[in-house]
């Protein structure tokens, strides 16, 4: 198959370094917060936050990277997962609930205009997680998800706006 376009050029070194710095600080602060302030020994540093870091620090102008999408996508997907597991865990297999949680999270994010791809991972992590994460129940959307996403967002606001490049300024919209 013939490609429709060519590989984009490499980003300027300054953009690459700002992206890396933002990701480092964001993930580090979420990890530190989780270590010192974890509620009921929950873990804060989830794989979905790594994916969020790529978006909000590496592509801060993308629709998926905006504050509404970061917070809404993660929190709503977490709510979908908790609801499904609490309501249907005795009826459906974990495999079925994993697929259902991601697909329903996508539908909810579309309807609410909060599409943030890592939100699907947030839902999946809860459903396939073990006893420790399931014990969080309805606390899961708040902590680690809500607080972790908020920390990442605050770092994005700081780091992305420290750059002198106006194309990097963040956010492009709030709500």
C-alpha atoms as a PDB file:
ATOM      1  CA  UNK A   1       0.000   0.000   0.000  1.00  0.00           C
ATOM      2  CA  UNK A   2       1.197   3.459  -0.805  1.00  0.00           C
ATOM      3  CA  UNK A   3       1.311   5.980   2.015  1.00  0.00           C
ATOM      4  CA  UNK A   4      -0.609   9.217   1.588  1.00  0.00           C
ATOM      5  CA  UNK A   5       2.048  11.399   3.143  1.00  0.00           C
ATOM      6  CA  UNK A   6       5.619  11.374   4.361  1.00  0.00           C
ATOM      7  CA  UNK A   7       7.070  11.028   7.824  1.00  0.00           C
ATOM      8  CA  UNK A   8       6.900  14.402   9.608  1.00  0.00           C
ATOM      9  CA  UNK A   9      10.179  16.101  10.401  1.00  0.00           C
ATOM     10  CA  UNK A  10      11.709  15.742  13.855  1.00  0.00           C
ATOM     11  CA  UNK A  11      10.526  18.268  16.417  1.00  0.00           C
ATOM     12  CA  UNK A  12      12.973  20.953  17.569  1.00  0.00           C
ATOM     13  CA  UNK A  13      15.279  19.969  20.418  1.00  0.00           C
ATOM     14  CA  UNK A  14      13.665  22.515  22.756  1.00  0.00           C
ATOM     15  CA  UNK A  15      10.226  20.904  22.288  1.00  0.00           C
ATOM     16  CA  UNK A  16      11.697  17.455  22.869  1.00  0.00           C
ATOM     17  CA  UNK A  17      13.418  18.580  26.078  1.00  0.00           C
ATOM     18  CA  UNK A  18      10.340  20.426  27.433  1.00  0.00           C
ATOM     19  CA  UNK A  19       8.264  17.304  26.769  1.00  0.00           C
ATOM     20  CA  UNK A  20      10.742  15.088  28.581  1.00  0.00           C
ATOM     21  CA  UNK A  21      11.025  17.467  31.523  1.00  0.00           C
ATOM     22  CA  UNK A  22       7.251  17.714  31.873  1.00  0.00           C
ATOM     23  CA  UNK A  23       6.829  13.948  31.771  1.00  0.00           C
ATOM     24  CA  UNK A  24       9.573  13.443  34.357  1.00  0.00           C
ATOM     25  CA  UNK A  25       8.164  15.996  36.800  1.00  0.00           C
ATOM     26  CA  UNK A  26       4.548  14.897  36.326  1.00  0.00           C
ATOM     27  CA  UNK A  27       5.195  11.189  36.815  1.00  0.00           C
ATOM     28  CA  UNK A  28       7.638  11.824  39.666  1.00  0.00           C
ATOM     29  CA  UNK A  29       5.146  13.992  41.564  1.00  0.00           C
ATOM     30  CA  UNK A  30       2.354  11.442  41.121  1.00  0.00           C
ATOM     31  CA  UNK A  31       4.704   8.727  42.420  1.00  0.00           C
ATOM     32  CA  UNK A  32       5.819  10.860  45.394  1.00  0.00           C
ATOM     33  CA  UNK A  33       2.233  11.851  46.197  1.00  0.00           C
ATOM     34  CA  UNK A  34       1.205   8.215  46.112  1.00  0.00           C
ATOM     35  CA  UNK A  35       4.110   7.163  48.293  1.00  0.00           C
ATOM     36  CA  UNK A  36       3.482   9.696  51.035  1.00  0.00           C
ATOM     37  CA  UNK A  37      -0.265  10.218  50.897  1.00  0.00           C
ATOM     38  CA  UNK A  38      -1.682   6.925  49.668  1.00  0.00           C
ATOM     39  CA  UNK A  39      -5.121   6.174  51.029  1.00  0.00           C
ATOM     40  CA  UNK A  40      -5.586   2.571  52.168  1.00  0.00           C
ATOM     41  CA  UNK A  41      -2.241   1.668  50.607  1.00  0.00           C
ATOM     42  CA  UNK A  42      -3.596   2.234  47.110  1.00  0.00           C
ATOM     43  CA  UNK A  43      -1.133   2.828  44.355  1.00  0.00           C
ATOM     44  CA  UNK A  44      -1.187   6.121  42.496  1.00  0.00           C
ATOM     45  CA  UNK A  45       1.235   5.515  39.651  1.00  0.00           C
ATOM     46  CA  UNK A  46      -0.845   3.730  37.036  1.00  0.00           C
ATOM     47  CA  UNK A  47       0.162   2.850  33.487  1.00  0.00           C
ATOM     48  CA  UNK A  48      -2.555   5.097  32.110  1.00  0.00           C
ATOM     49  CA  UNK A  49      -0.755   8.108  33.615  1.00  0.00           C
ATOM     50  CA  UNK A  50       2.309   7.262  31.521  1.00  0.00           C
ATOM     51  CA  UNK A  51       0.153   7.438  28.409  1.00  0.00           C
ATOM     52  CA  UNK A  52      -1.345  10.736  29.614  1.00  0.00           C
ATOM     53  CA  UNK A  53       2.168  12.130  30.069  1.00  0.00           C
ATOM     54  CA  UNK A  54       2.970  11.417  26.420  1.00  0.00           C
ATOM     55  CA  UNK A  55      -0.107  13.378  25.359  1.00  0.00           C
ATOM     56  CA  UNK A  56      -0.106  16.358  27.717  1.00  0.00           C
ATOM     57  CA  UNK A  57       3.638  17.012  27.637  1.00  0.00           C
ATOM     58  CA  UNK A  58       4.468  15.686  24.155  1.00  0.00           C
ATOM     59  CA  UNK A  59       1.416  17.002  22.287  1.00  0.00           C
ATOM     60  CA  UNK A  60      -0.079  19.739  24.484  1.00  0.00           C
ATOM     61  CA  UNK A  61      -2.126  21.264  21.640  1.00  0.00           C
ATOM     62  CA  UNK A  62      -3.970  18.026  20.820  1.00  0.00           C
ATOM     63  CA  UNK A  63      -7.650  17.795  21.727  1.00  0.00           C
ATOM     64  CA  UNK A  64      -6.933  14.640  23.764  1.00  0.00           C
ATOM     65  CA  UNK A  65      -4.509  16.672  25.908  1.00  0.00           C
ATOM     66  CA  UNK A  66      -6.832  19.427  27.116  1.00  0.00           C
ATOM     67  CA  UNK A  67      -7.852  19.725  30.798  1.00  0.00           C
ATOM     68  CA  UNK A  68     -11.462  18.706  30.179  1.00  0.00           C
ATOM     69  CA  UNK A  69     -10.270  15.555  28.427  1.00  0.00           C
ATOM     70  CA  UNK A  70      -7.612  14.630  30.980  1.00  0.00           C
ATOM     71  CA  UNK A  71      -9.829  14.920  34.045  1.00  0.00           C
ATOM     72  CA  UNK A  72     -13.090  13.865  32.426  1.00  0.00           C
ATOM     73  CA  UNK A  73     -11.639  10.989  30.430  1.00  0.00           C
ATOM     74  CA  UNK A  74      -9.889   9.445  33.414  1.00  0.00           C
ATOM     75  CA  UNK A  75     -12.597  10.025  36.037  1.00  0.00           C
ATOM     76  CA  UNK A  76     -15.548   8.993  33.871  1.00  0.00           C
ATOM     77  CA  UNK A  77     -13.753   5.854  32.688  1.00  0.00           C
ATOM     78  CA  UNK A  78     -12.937   4.977  36.289  1.00  0.00           C
ATOM     79  CA  UNK A  79     -16.619   5.392  37.187  1.00  0.00           C
ATOM     80  CA  UNK A  80     -17.649   3.119  34.313  1.00  0.00           C
ATOM     81  CA  UNK A  81     -15.240   0.441  35.513  1.00  0.00           C
ATOM     82  CA  UNK A  82     -16.319   0.608  39.154  1.00  0.00           C
ATOM     83  CA  UNK A  83     -19.991   0.475  38.172  1.00  0.00           C
ATOM     84  CA  UNK A  84     -19.492  -2.536  35.912  1.00  0.00           C
ATOM     85  CA  UNK A  85     -17.444  -4.504  38.413  1.00  0.00           C
ATOM     86  CA  UNK A  86     -19.753  -3.780  41.340  1.00  0.00           C
ATOM     87  CA  UNK A  87     -22.876  -4.532  39.309  1.00  0.00           C
ATOM     88  CA  UNK A  88     -21.897  -7.408  37.043  1.00  0.00           C
ATOM     89  CA  UNK A  89     -18.865  -9.213  38.507  1.00  0.00           C
ATOM     90  CA  UNK A  90     -21.003 -12.171  39.564  1.00  0.00           C
ATOM     91  CA  UNK A  91     -22.718 -12.360  36.159  1.00  0.00           C
ATOM     92  CA  UNK A  92     -19.950 -11.880  33.578  1.00  0.00           C
ATOM     93  CA  UNK A  93     -16.358 -13.061  33.279  1.00  0.00           C
ATOM     94  CA  UNK A  94     -13.461 -10.709  33.941  1.00  0.00           C
ATOM     95  CA  UNK A  95     -12.514 -10.917  30.263  1.00  0.00           C
ATOM     96  CA  UNK A  96     -15.993  -9.784  29.217  1.00  0.00           C
ATOM     97  CA  UNK A  97     -15.986  -6.960  31.766  1.00  0.00           C
ATOM     98  CA  UNK A  98     -12.532  -5.839  30.581  1.00  0.00           C
ATOM     99  CA  UNK A  99     -13.805  -5.463  27.023  1.00  0.00           C
ATOM    100  CA  UNK A 100     -17.062  -3.878  28.155  1.00  0.00           C
ATOM    101  CA  UNK A 101     -15.325  -1.351  30.420  1.00  0.00           C
ATOM    102  CA  UNK A 102     -13.098  -0.056  27.628  1.00  0.00           C
ATOM    103  CA  UNK A 103     -15.875   0.053  25.032  1.00  0.00           C
ATOM    104  CA  UNK A 104     -18.351   1.789  27.358  1.00  0.00           C
ATOM    105  CA  UNK A 105     -15.645   4.224  28.465  1.00  0.00           C
ATOM    106  CA  UNK A 106     -15.101   5.201  24.840  1.00  0.00           C
ATOM    107  CA  UNK A 107     -18.845   5.707  24.361  1.00  0.00           C
ATOM    108  CA  UNK A 108     -19.112   7.822  27.525  1.00  0.00           C
ATOM    109  CA  UNK A 109     -16.074   9.914  26.552  1.00  0.00           C
ATOM    110  CA  UNK A 110     -17.574  10.522  23.091  1.00  0.00           C
ATOM    111  CA  UNK A 111     -20.924  11.617  24.515  1.00  0.00           C
ATOM    112  CA  UNK A 112     -19.300  13.912  27.075  1.00  0.00           C
ATOM    113  CA  UNK A 113     -16.642  15.205  24.662  1.00  0.00           C
ATOM    114  CA  UNK A 114     -13.881  14.156  27.065  1.00  0.00           C
ATOM    115  CA  UNK A 115     -12.011  11.690  24.826  1.00  0.00           C
ATOM    116  CA  UNK A 116      -8.650  10.900  26.409  1.00  0.00           C
ATOM    117  CA  UNK A 117      -7.284   7.539  25.169  1.00  0.00           C
ATOM    118  CA  UNK A 118      -5.547   6.698  28.474  1.00  0.00           C
ATOM    119  CA  UNK A 119      -9.037   6.706  30.030  1.00  0.00           C
ATOM    120  CA  UNK A 120      -9.620   3.322  28.414  1.00  0.00           C
ATOM    121  CA  UNK A 121      -6.558   2.009  30.223  1.00  0.00           C
ATOM    122  CA  UNK A 122      -7.831   3.505  33.476  1.00  0.00           C
ATOM    123  CA  UNK A 123     -11.027   1.456  33.142  1.00  0.00           C
ATOM    124  CA  UNK A 124      -9.147  -1.690  32.143  1.00  0.00           C
ATOM    125  CA  UNK A 125      -6.691  -1.404  35.042  1.00  0.00           C
ATOM    126  CA  UNK A 126      -9.526  -1.353  37.562  1.00  0.00           C
ATOM    127  CA  UNK A 127     -11.460  -4.280  36.099  1.00  0.00           C
ATOM    128  CA  UNK A 128      -8.428  -6.527  35.687  1.00  0.00           C
ATOM    129  CA  UNK A 129      -6.824  -5.370  38.930  1.00  0.00           C
ATOM    130  CA  UNK A 130      -6.574  -7.429  42.053  1.00  0.00           C
ATOM    131  CA  UNK A 131      -8.175  -7.262  45.456  1.00  0.00           C
ATOM    132  CA  UNK A 132      -6.143  -4.207  46.491  1.00  0.00           C
ATOM    133  CA  UNK A 133      -7.511  -2.027  43.705  1.00  0.00           C
ATOM    134  CA  UNK A 134     -11.035  -3.481  43.873  1.00  0.00           C
ATOM    135  CA  UNK A 135     -11.236  -2.601  47.583  1.00  0.00           C
ATOM    136  CA  UNK A 136     -11.058   1.062  46.608  1.00  0.00           C
ATOM    137  CA  UNK A 137     -14.494   0.834  45.009  1.00  0.00           C
ATOM    138  CA  UNK A 138     -15.976   4.279  44.409  1.00  0.00           C
ATOM    139  CA  UNK A 139     -12.854   5.867  45.898  1.00  0.00           C
ATOM    140  CA  UNK A 140     -10.922   4.785  42.753  1.00  0.00           C
ATOM    141  CA  UNK A 141     -12.252   7.616  40.539  1.00  0.00           C
ATOM    142  CA  UNK A 142     -11.169  10.133  43.193  1.00  0.00           C
ATOM    143  CA  UNK A 143      -7.907   8.589  44.322  1.00  0.00           C
ATOM    144  CA  UNK A 144      -5.705   7.583  42.611  1.00  0.00           C
ATOM    145  CA  UNK A 145      -7.411   8.655  39.375  1.00  0.00           C
ATOM    146  CA  UNK A 146      -8.754  12.162  40.048  1.00  0.00           C
ATOM    147  CA  UNK A 147      -5.840  13.324  42.192  1.00  0.00           C
ATOM    148  CA  UNK A 148      -3.252  11.783  39.881  1.00  0.00           C
ATOM    149  CA  UNK A 149      -4.804  13.378  36.796  1.00  0.00           C
ATOM    150  CA  UNK A 150      -4.993  16.728  38.606  1.00  0.00           C
ATOM    151  CA  UNK A 151      -1.295  16.580  39.517  1.00  0.00           C
ATOM    152  CA  UNK A 152      -0.407  15.783  35.898  1.00  0.00           C
ATOM    153  CA  UNK A 153      -2.596  18.681  34.733  1.00  0.00           C
ATOM    154  CA  UNK A 154      -1.010  21.177  37.153  1.00  0.00           C
ATOM    155  CA  UNK A 155       2.470  20.200  35.977  1.00  0.00           C
ATOM    156  CA  UNK A 156       1.311  20.536  32.348  1.00  0.00           C
ATOM    157  CA  UNK A 157       0.050  24.053  33.054  1.00  0.00           C
ATOM    158  CA  UNK A 158       3.406  25.015  34.545  1.00  0.00           C
ATOM    159  CA  UNK A 159       5.833  23.287  32.176  1.00  0.00           C
ATOM    160  CA  UNK A 160       4.001  23.904  28.917  1.00  0.00           C
ATOM    161  CA  UNK A 161       3.670  27.620  29.660  1.00  0.00           C
ATOM    162  CA  UNK A 162       7.299  28.108  30.701  1.00  0.00           C
ATOM    163  CA  UNK A 163       8.373  27.549  27.110  1.00  0.00           C
ATOM    164  CA  UNK A 164       8.888  30.665  25.004  1.00  0.00           C
ATOM    165  CA  UNK A 165       7.286  28.866  22.048  1.00  0.00           C
ATOM    166  CA  UNK A 166       3.726  30.204  21.767  1.00  0.00           C
ATOM    167  CA  UNK A 167       2.628  27.016  19.982  1.00  0.00           C
ATOM    168  CA  UNK A 168       3.340  25.127  23.185  1.00  0.00           C
ATOM    169  CA  UNK A 169       1.195  27.304  25.459  1.00  0.00           C
ATOM    170  CA  UNK A 170      -1.443  25.339  27.271  1.00  0.00           C
ATOM    171  CA  UNK A 171      -4.359  24.775  27.339  1.00  0.00           C
ATOM    172  CA  UNK A 172      -6.016  25.604  24.044  1.00  0.00           C
ATOM    173  CA  UNK A 173      -9.367  25.433  25.866  1.00  0.00           C
ATOM    174  CA  UNK A 174     -10.598  24.574  29.355  1.00  0.00           C
ATOM    175  CA  UNK A 175     -14.155  23.281  29.212  1.00  0.00           C
END
